[in-house]
């Protein structure tokens, strides 16, 4: 009975570690990225991506051969887009899926863009291995 209790404790600790462990950052060590063309990309999405990459201190370059990595918008149309118009003006958010290719390896990342009046924030977040539902 005591060994069963220890097993439960060890499994609980392992589960907590897996959930709280930070997602890998495919952009680690990257200084420049290039964007692969996609017909659904608008200037607003590029602006949001520039904000998110600015937080990583990464610049966007136009020449694929000069980029450390290439970002492709994988899921532009079905990304969650929420808009509301009220007394405070227009508020909204968007969730887009990006694929980062670095040294032949591909990783999915989520781009979250939030806007409120004139303030726009964006974050580019890596996915944990178990986040298959996104």
Protein backbone atom coordinates (compact mmCIF):
# COMPACT_ATOMS: atom_id res chain seq x y z
CA UNK A 1 0.00 0.00 0.00
CA UNK A 2 2.87 2.33 0.85
CA UNK A 3 4.51 1.74 -2.56
CA UNK A 4 1.22 2.59 -4.32
CA UNK A 5 1.10 5.90 -2.48
CA UNK A 6 4.71 6.66 -3.47
CA UNK A 7 3.90 5.82 -7.10
CA UNK A 8 0.94 8.21 -7.06
CA UNK A 9 3.12 10.98 -5.58
CA UNK A 10 5.86 10.42 -8.18
CA UNK A 11 3.31 10.45 -11.04
CA UNK A 12 1.70 13.63 -9.69
CA UNK A 13 5.07 15.37 -9.46
CA UNK A 14 5.96 14.23 -13.00
CA UNK A 15 2.65 15.55 -14.32
CA UNK A 16 3.20 18.95 -12.66
CA UNK A 17 6.72 19.17 -14.11
CA UNK A 18 5.47 18.34 -17.63
CA UNK A 19 2.68 20.92 -17.46
CA UNK A 20 4.80 23.71 -15.94
CA UNK A 21 7.93 23.10 -18.03
CA UNK A 22 8.27 25.96 -20.52
CA UNK A 23 7.61 25.34 -24.20
CA UNK A 24 10.67 25.16 -26.43
CA UNK A 25 11.55 28.38 -28.26
CA UNK A 26 12.34 27.61 -31.92
CA UNK A 27 13.48 31.24 -32.27
CA UNK A 28 16.27 30.89 -29.70
CA UNK A 29 19.53 32.18 -31.17
CA UNK A 30 17.78 33.64 -34.23
CA UNK A 31 18.61 37.19 -35.33
CA UNK A 32 16.74 37.39 -38.66
CA UNK A 33 13.69 35.70 -40.16
CA UNK A 34 12.09 35.78 -43.56
CA UNK A 35 8.37 35.42 -44.23
CA UNK A 36 7.21 32.91 -46.78
CA UNK A 37 4.55 34.41 -49.02
CA UNK A 38 0.93 33.51 -48.28
CA UNK A 39 -2.09 35.03 -50.04
CA UNK A 40 -3.98 35.54 -46.75
CA UNK A 41 -1.29 37.66 -45.08
CA UNK A 42 -2.36 41.24 -44.47
CA UNK A 43 -0.30 44.19 -43.27
CA UNK A 44 -2.04 43.98 -39.86
CA UNK A 45 -0.79 40.41 -39.38
CA UNK A 46 2.72 41.45 -40.42
CA UNK A 47 2.56 44.35 -37.93
CA UNK A 48 1.55 41.96 -35.15
CA UNK A 49 4.36 39.60 -36.08
CA UNK A 50 6.85 42.49 -36.10
CA UNK A 51 5.76 43.40 -32.55
CA UNK A 52 6.13 39.80 -31.36
CA UNK A 53 9.52 39.40 -33.04
CA UNK A 54 10.62 42.74 -31.58
CA UNK A 55 10.11 41.22 -28.14
CA UNK A 56 12.51 38.45 -29.23
CA UNK A 57 14.84 41.09 -30.75
CA UNK A 58 14.53 39.50 -34.19
CA UNK A 59 14.29 41.43 -37.47
CA UNK A 60 12.36 40.48 -40.59
CA UNK A 61 14.42 40.37 -43.79
CA UNK A 62 13.15 40.02 -47.34
CA UNK A 63 15.93 37.76 -48.66
CA UNK A 64 15.38 34.10 -47.70
CA UNK A 65 19.09 33.34 -48.09
CA UNK A 66 20.01 35.96 -45.45
CA UNK A 67 17.50 34.70 -42.88
CA UNK A 68 18.35 32.43 -39.96
CA UNK A 69 14.83 30.99 -40.11
CA UNK A 70 11.69 31.17 -42.25
CA UNK A 71 8.22 31.78 -40.83
CA UNK A 72 5.15 30.61 -42.72
CA UNK A 73 1.57 31.38 -41.72
CA UNK A 74 0.01 27.92 -41.69
CA UNK A 75 -3.49 28.67 -40.50
CA UNK A 76 -4.59 32.16 -41.50
CA UNK A 77 -8.26 31.72 -42.34
CA UNK A 78 -9.32 29.53 -39.45
CA UNK A 79 -7.37 31.42 -36.80
CA UNK A 80 -9.67 32.70 -34.09
CA UNK A 81 -10.60 36.34 -34.74
CA UNK A 82 -12.68 38.23 -32.20
CA UNK A 83 -13.88 41.80 -32.68
CA UNK A 84 -16.10 43.97 -30.53
CA UNK A 85 -17.20 47.55 -31.00
CA UNK A 86 -18.36 49.50 -27.99
CA UNK A 87 -18.03 52.81 -26.22
CA UNK A 88 -14.29 52.27 -25.84
CA UNK A 89 -13.84 51.76 -29.59
CA UNK A 90 -12.78 48.64 -31.40
CA UNK A 91 -11.23 45.79 -29.43
CA UNK A 92 -10.17 42.45 -30.72
CA UNK A 93 -7.80 39.56 -30.84
CA UNK A 94 -6.51 37.07 -33.36
CA UNK A 95 -4.81 33.71 -33.03
CA UNK A 96 -2.74 32.48 -35.96
CA UNK A 97 -0.60 29.41 -36.37
CA UNK A 98 2.92 29.88 -37.74
CA UNK A 99 5.50 27.33 -38.79
CA UNK A 100 9.14 28.15 -38.14
CA UNK A 101 11.75 26.38 -40.25
CA UNK A 102 15.27 26.51 -38.87
CA UNK A 103 18.10 24.30 -40.09
CA UNK A 104 15.63 21.92 -41.75
CA UNK A 105 13.59 21.48 -38.55
CA UNK A 106 10.00 22.68 -38.46
CA UNK A 107 8.16 23.84 -35.34
CA UNK A 108 4.69 25.25 -34.83
CA UNK A 109 4.20 28.48 -32.91
CA UNK A 110 1.10 30.45 -32.02
CA UNK A 111 0.88 34.17 -32.80
CA UNK A 112 -1.56 36.02 -30.54
CA UNK A 113 -2.44 39.59 -31.51
CA UNK A 114 -4.57 41.82 -29.26
CA UNK A 115 -5.69 45.33 -30.05
CA UNK A 116 -7.55 47.88 -27.96
CA UNK A 117 -8.11 51.35 -29.40
CA UNK A 118 -4.60 52.33 -30.47
CA UNK A 119 -2.66 49.77 -28.42
CA UNK A 120 -1.55 46.58 -30.16
CA UNK A 121 0.23 43.74 -28.37
CA UNK A 122 1.44 40.49 -29.84
CA UNK A 123 3.21 37.38 -28.64
CA UNK A 124 4.73 34.47 -30.50
CA UNK A 125 4.63 31.36 -28.32
CA UNK A 126 6.12 27.91 -28.87
CA UNK A 127 3.99 24.83 -28.38
CA UNK A 128 4.56 22.13 -25.80
CA UNK A 129 4.83 18.59 -27.13
CA UNK A 130 1.44 17.58 -25.76
CA UNK A 131 -0.53 20.54 -27.21
CA UNK A 132 -1.87 18.60 -30.18
CA UNK A 133 -5.39 20.07 -29.92
CA UNK A 134 -4.35 23.58 -31.01
